[in-house]
N, C-alpha and C. Protein backbone atom coordinates (compact mmCIF):
# COMPACT_ATOMS: atom_id res chain seq x y z
N MET A 1 174.15 63.55 143.00
CA MET A 1 175.13 64.30 142.33
C MET A 1 175.89 64.98 143.31
N ASN A 2 177.28 64.89 143.16
CA ASN A 2 178.34 65.67 144.05
C ASN A 2 179.12 66.36 143.33
N ILE A 3 179.78 67.52 144.08
CA ILE A 3 180.68 68.38 143.48
C ILE A 3 182.07 68.05 144.27
N GLN A 4 183.11 68.05 143.50
CA GLN A 4 184.46 67.81 144.21
C GLN A 4 185.24 69.00 143.61
N ILE A 5 186.02 69.73 144.46
CA ILE A 5 186.93 70.89 144.17
C ILE A 5 188.27 70.42 144.55
N THR A 6 189.30 70.27 143.68
CA THR A 6 190.69 69.91 144.01
C THR A 6 191.19 71.13 144.53
N LYS A 7 192.39 70.91 145.39
CA LYS A 7 193.02 72.01 146.06
C LYS A 7 193.62 73.08 145.03
N PRO A 8 194.28 72.54 143.99
CA PRO A 8 194.68 73.62 143.04
C PRO A 8 193.59 74.46 142.39
N ALA A 9 192.41 73.82 142.07
CA ALA A 9 191.17 74.37 141.70
C ALA A 9 190.72 75.52 142.68
N LEU A 10 190.72 75.18 143.87
CA LEU A 10 190.32 76.00 145.10
C LEU A 10 191.14 77.34 144.94
N GLN A 11 192.50 77.11 144.87
CA GLN A 11 193.37 78.25 144.92
C GLN A 11 193.06 79.05 143.72
N TRP A 12 192.84 78.52 142.55
CA TRP A 12 192.36 79.28 141.44
C TRP A 12 191.13 80.17 141.58
N PHE A 13 190.25 79.67 142.26
CA PHE A 13 188.92 80.37 142.66
C PHE A 13 189.20 81.46 143.67
N LYS A 14 190.20 81.17 144.55
CA LYS A 14 190.52 82.25 145.50
C LYS A 14 191.29 83.47 144.89
N ASP A 15 192.10 83.11 143.89
CA ASP A 15 192.81 84.09 143.14
C ASP A 15 191.88 85.01 142.24
N GLU A 16 191.25 84.20 141.36
CA GLU A 16 190.29 84.80 140.25
C GLU A 16 189.06 85.46 140.82
N PHE A 17 188.43 84.98 141.98
CA PHE A 17 187.33 85.66 142.55
C PHE A 17 187.53 86.42 143.70
N ASN A 18 188.87 86.47 144.19
CA ASN A 18 189.34 87.36 145.33
C ASN A 18 188.43 86.81 146.49
N LEU A 19 188.38 85.46 146.70
CA LEU A 19 187.70 84.96 147.94
C LEU A 19 188.45 84.95 149.18
N LYS A 20 187.72 85.35 150.24
CA LYS A 20 188.35 85.38 151.56
C LYS A 20 188.07 84.30 152.36
N GLY A 21 186.97 83.57 152.03
CA GLY A 21 186.74 82.28 152.62
C GLY A 21 185.71 81.99 153.72
N GLU A 22 184.87 83.13 153.96
CA GLU A 22 183.74 82.82 154.77
C GLU A 22 182.45 83.45 154.27
N GLY A 23 181.43 82.68 154.07
CA GLY A 23 180.22 83.18 153.52
C GLY A 23 180.15 83.59 152.12
N GLU A 24 181.06 83.03 151.38
CA GLU A 24 181.11 83.37 149.92
C GLU A 24 180.59 82.16 149.14
N TYR A 25 180.09 82.43 147.90
CA TYR A 25 179.46 81.41 147.13
C TYR A 25 179.95 81.54 145.68
N ILE A 26 180.05 80.31 145.11
CA ILE A 26 180.41 80.17 143.58
C ILE A 26 179.43 79.28 143.07
N ARG A 27 178.64 79.64 142.02
CA ARG A 27 177.69 78.80 141.29
C ARG A 27 178.32 78.26 139.99
N PHE A 28 177.85 77.04 139.74
CA PHE A 28 178.04 76.40 138.57
C PHE A 28 176.64 76.27 137.94
N PHE A 29 176.53 76.78 136.71
CA PHE A 29 175.15 76.81 136.00
C PHE A 29 175.27 76.43 134.57
N ALA A 30 174.07 75.88 133.99
CA ALA A 30 174.08 75.42 132.71
C ALA A 30 173.89 76.76 131.77
N ARG A 31 174.53 77.07 130.74
CA ARG A 31 174.29 78.19 129.90
C ARG A 31 174.18 77.69 128.46
N TYR A 32 173.43 78.41 127.59
CA TYR A 32 173.32 78.27 126.37
C TYR A 32 174.50 78.63 125.53
N GLY A 33 174.96 77.78 124.67
CA GLY A 33 176.17 77.97 123.93
C GLY A 33 177.47 77.53 124.50
N GLY A 34 178.53 77.66 123.89
CA GLY A 34 179.88 77.27 124.34
C GLY A 34 180.10 75.79 123.82
N CYS A 35 181.26 75.11 124.48
CA CYS A 35 181.74 73.97 124.11
C CYS A 35 181.62 72.98 125.30
N GLY A 36 180.36 72.70 125.62
CA GLY A 36 180.11 71.69 126.69
C GLY A 36 180.34 70.26 126.11
N SER A 37 180.58 69.29 127.08
CA SER A 37 180.83 67.97 126.70
C SER A 37 179.55 67.04 127.08
N ILE A 38 178.59 67.44 127.90
CA ILE A 38 177.61 66.78 128.22
C ILE A 38 176.32 66.87 127.67
N GLN A 39 175.94 68.12 127.42
CA GLN A 39 174.71 68.49 126.68
C GLN A 39 174.99 69.36 125.45
N SER A 40 174.44 68.87 124.36
CA SER A 40 174.82 69.51 123.14
C SER A 40 174.10 70.98 123.17
N GLY A 41 174.95 72.05 122.76
CA GLY A 41 174.39 73.25 122.68
C GLY A 41 174.58 74.06 123.97
N PHE A 42 175.06 73.48 124.97
CA PHE A 42 175.09 74.05 126.28
C PHE A 42 176.58 73.89 126.86
N SER A 43 176.94 74.71 127.80
CA SER A 43 178.24 74.62 128.57
C SER A 43 178.06 75.04 129.99
N LEU A 44 179.05 74.84 130.66
CA LEU A 44 178.96 75.14 132.17
C LEU A 44 179.57 76.38 132.42
N GLY A 45 178.74 77.37 133.30
CA GLY A 45 179.20 78.67 133.47
C GLY A 45 179.64 78.75 135.01
N ILE A 46 180.27 79.78 135.36
CA ILE A 46 180.72 80.06 136.81
C ILE A 46 180.28 81.46 137.07
N SER A 47 179.60 81.65 138.34
CA SER A 47 179.46 83.04 138.74
C SER A 47 179.58 83.04 140.29
N GLN A 48 179.85 84.27 140.82
CA GLN A 48 179.91 84.52 142.14
C GLN A 48 178.49 85.12 142.63
N GLU A 49 177.68 84.34 143.24
CA GLU A 49 176.39 84.81 143.63
C GLU A 49 175.83 83.90 144.69
N SER A 50 174.85 84.36 145.52
CA SER A 50 174.19 83.71 146.45
C SER A 50 173.13 82.71 145.85
N PRO A 51 172.93 81.56 146.55
CA PRO A 51 172.03 80.56 146.08
C PRO A 51 170.60 81.05 146.26
N SER A 52 169.77 80.46 145.40
CA SER A 52 168.24 80.58 145.64
C SER A 52 167.70 79.26 145.99
N VAL A 53 167.66 78.24 145.23
CA VAL A 53 167.24 76.93 145.53
C VAL A 53 168.39 75.89 145.23
N VAL A 54 169.09 75.54 146.19
CA VAL A 54 170.30 74.67 145.97
C VAL A 54 170.02 73.21 145.63
N GLY A 55 170.51 72.67 144.65
CA GLY A 55 170.44 71.25 144.23
C GLY A 55 171.37 70.39 144.93
N THR A 56 172.60 70.96 145.02
CA THR A 56 173.82 70.25 145.62
C THR A 56 174.81 71.37 145.95
N GLN A 57 175.62 71.06 146.84
CA GLN A 57 176.71 71.88 147.37
C GLN A 57 177.71 71.34 148.01
N VAL A 58 178.90 71.91 148.08
CA VAL A 58 180.08 71.48 148.84
C VAL A 58 180.77 72.67 149.39
N GLU A 59 181.26 72.63 150.69
CA GLU A 59 182.04 73.85 151.26
C GLU A 59 183.43 73.48 151.35
N GLU A 60 184.13 74.32 150.73
CA GLU A 60 185.72 74.16 150.74
C GLU A 60 186.35 75.43 151.30
N ASP A 61 186.93 75.29 152.43
CA ASP A 61 187.63 76.42 153.07
C ASP A 61 186.81 77.61 153.29
N GLY A 62 185.56 77.48 153.58
CA GLY A 62 184.69 78.55 153.93
C GLY A 62 183.81 78.92 152.67
N THR A 63 184.08 78.57 151.58
CA THR A 63 183.34 78.93 150.30
C THR A 63 182.46 77.78 149.94
N ILE A 64 181.19 78.12 149.81
CA ILE A 64 180.16 77.26 149.26
C ILE A 64 180.12 77.27 147.73
N PHE A 65 180.45 76.10 147.11
CA PHE A 65 180.28 75.81 145.69
C PHE A 65 179.03 75.03 145.41
N PHE A 66 178.03 75.52 144.54
CA PHE A 66 176.88 74.94 144.49
C PHE A 66 176.28 74.96 143.09
N ILE A 67 175.31 74.21 142.82
CA ILE A 67 174.54 74.11 141.58
C ILE A 67 173.01 74.26 142.07
N GLU A 68 172.24 75.09 141.35
CA GLU A 68 170.91 75.34 141.69
C GLU A 68 170.09 74.08 141.15
N GLU A 69 168.95 73.79 141.91
CA GLU A 69 168.14 72.69 141.49
C GLU A 69 167.80 72.88 140.06
N LYS A 70 167.56 73.94 139.54
CA LYS A 70 166.98 74.11 138.24
C LYS A 70 168.08 73.72 137.17
N ASP A 71 169.32 73.66 137.49
CA ASP A 71 170.44 73.37 136.66
C ASP A 71 171.01 71.96 136.71
N LEU A 72 170.35 71.19 137.63
CA LEU A 72 170.87 69.70 137.76
C LEU A 72 170.57 68.90 136.58
N TRP A 73 169.67 69.22 135.67
CA TRP A 73 169.41 68.36 134.38
C TRP A 73 170.59 68.31 133.51
N TYR A 74 171.40 69.48 133.57
CA TYR A 74 172.61 69.51 132.82
C TYR A 74 173.61 68.44 132.92
N PHE A 75 173.71 67.89 134.14
CA PHE A 75 174.80 66.99 134.60
C PHE A 75 174.33 65.50 134.39
N LYS A 76 173.05 65.14 134.08
CA LYS A 76 172.59 63.83 133.63
C LYS A 76 172.99 62.90 134.74
N ASN A 77 172.91 63.26 135.96
CA ASN A 77 173.11 62.45 137.28
C ASN A 77 174.63 62.14 137.42
N GLN A 78 175.47 62.85 136.72
CA GLN A 78 176.79 62.69 136.94
C GLN A 78 177.41 63.50 137.96
N ASN A 79 178.53 63.19 138.58
CA ASN A 79 179.19 64.08 139.57
C ASN A 79 180.20 65.09 138.85
N LEU A 80 180.34 66.23 139.41
CA LEU A 80 181.26 67.20 138.85
C LEU A 80 182.49 67.30 139.66
N LYS A 81 183.63 67.13 138.98
CA LYS A 81 185.03 67.26 139.58
C LYS A 81 185.52 68.55 138.87
N VAL A 82 186.02 69.50 139.68
CA VAL A 82 186.60 70.83 139.13
C VAL A 82 188.08 70.68 139.48
N LYS A 83 188.83 70.60 138.52
CA LYS A 83 190.25 70.62 138.57
C LYS A 83 190.98 71.96 137.86
N TYR A 84 192.24 72.09 138.31
CA TYR A 84 192.98 73.15 137.57
C TYR A 84 194.05 72.55 136.70
N SER A 85 194.25 72.90 135.47
CA SER A 85 195.26 72.53 134.66
C SER A 85 196.37 73.41 134.65
N ARG A 86 197.44 73.00 135.13
CA ARG A 86 198.59 73.83 135.23
C ARG A 86 199.20 74.04 133.82
N LYS A 87 199.12 72.97 132.93
CA LYS A 87 199.47 73.21 131.53
C LYS A 87 198.72 74.27 130.84
N ASN A 88 197.51 74.22 130.98
CA ASN A 88 196.65 75.22 130.30
C ASN A 88 196.30 76.46 131.14
N GLU A 89 196.67 76.44 132.50
CA GLU A 89 196.30 77.52 133.36
C GLU A 89 194.97 77.88 133.44
N GLU A 90 194.06 76.90 133.48
CA GLU A 90 192.61 77.18 133.47
C GLU A 90 191.89 75.93 134.22
N ILE A 91 190.68 76.31 134.69
CA ILE A 91 189.80 75.36 135.17
C ILE A 91 189.25 74.12 134.19
N GLU A 92 189.24 73.06 134.58
CA GLU A 92 188.65 72.07 133.85
C GLU A 92 187.61 71.14 134.53
N PHE A 93 186.59 70.78 133.90
CA PHE A 93 185.45 70.11 134.41
C PHE A 93 185.60 68.73 134.03
N VAL A 94 185.46 67.82 134.94
CA VAL A 94 185.42 66.48 134.70
C VAL A 94 184.11 65.82 135.15
N TYR A 95 183.32 65.05 134.43
CA TYR A 95 182.11 64.50 134.73
C TYR A 95 182.23 63.10 135.03
N GLU A 96 181.81 62.58 136.18
CA GLU A 96 182.08 61.29 136.64
C GLU A 96 180.79 60.53 137.12
N ASP A 97 180.71 59.25 136.81
CA ASP A 97 179.50 58.38 137.31
C ASP A 97 179.62 58.06 138.78
């Protein structure tokens, strides 16, 4: 399982979370409720916090984007691509094999 962050999405994270680029973390996690497309009754959440037990991660411009090991079940072995929709002015999650 891999994480990919597009450049426009990275800029969105920098703006929304006031990221400076070194030693900062963004976590993607499974949360109960919402409108997720992979697991019924769950959706993907985002938080700015340090990791505990990393399942997978990627570093982009000094920021670590990660998923905890305990949340990997949500993705059903699919990769996560994080994009920014200019039309909707929001982050979009794409799940790929």
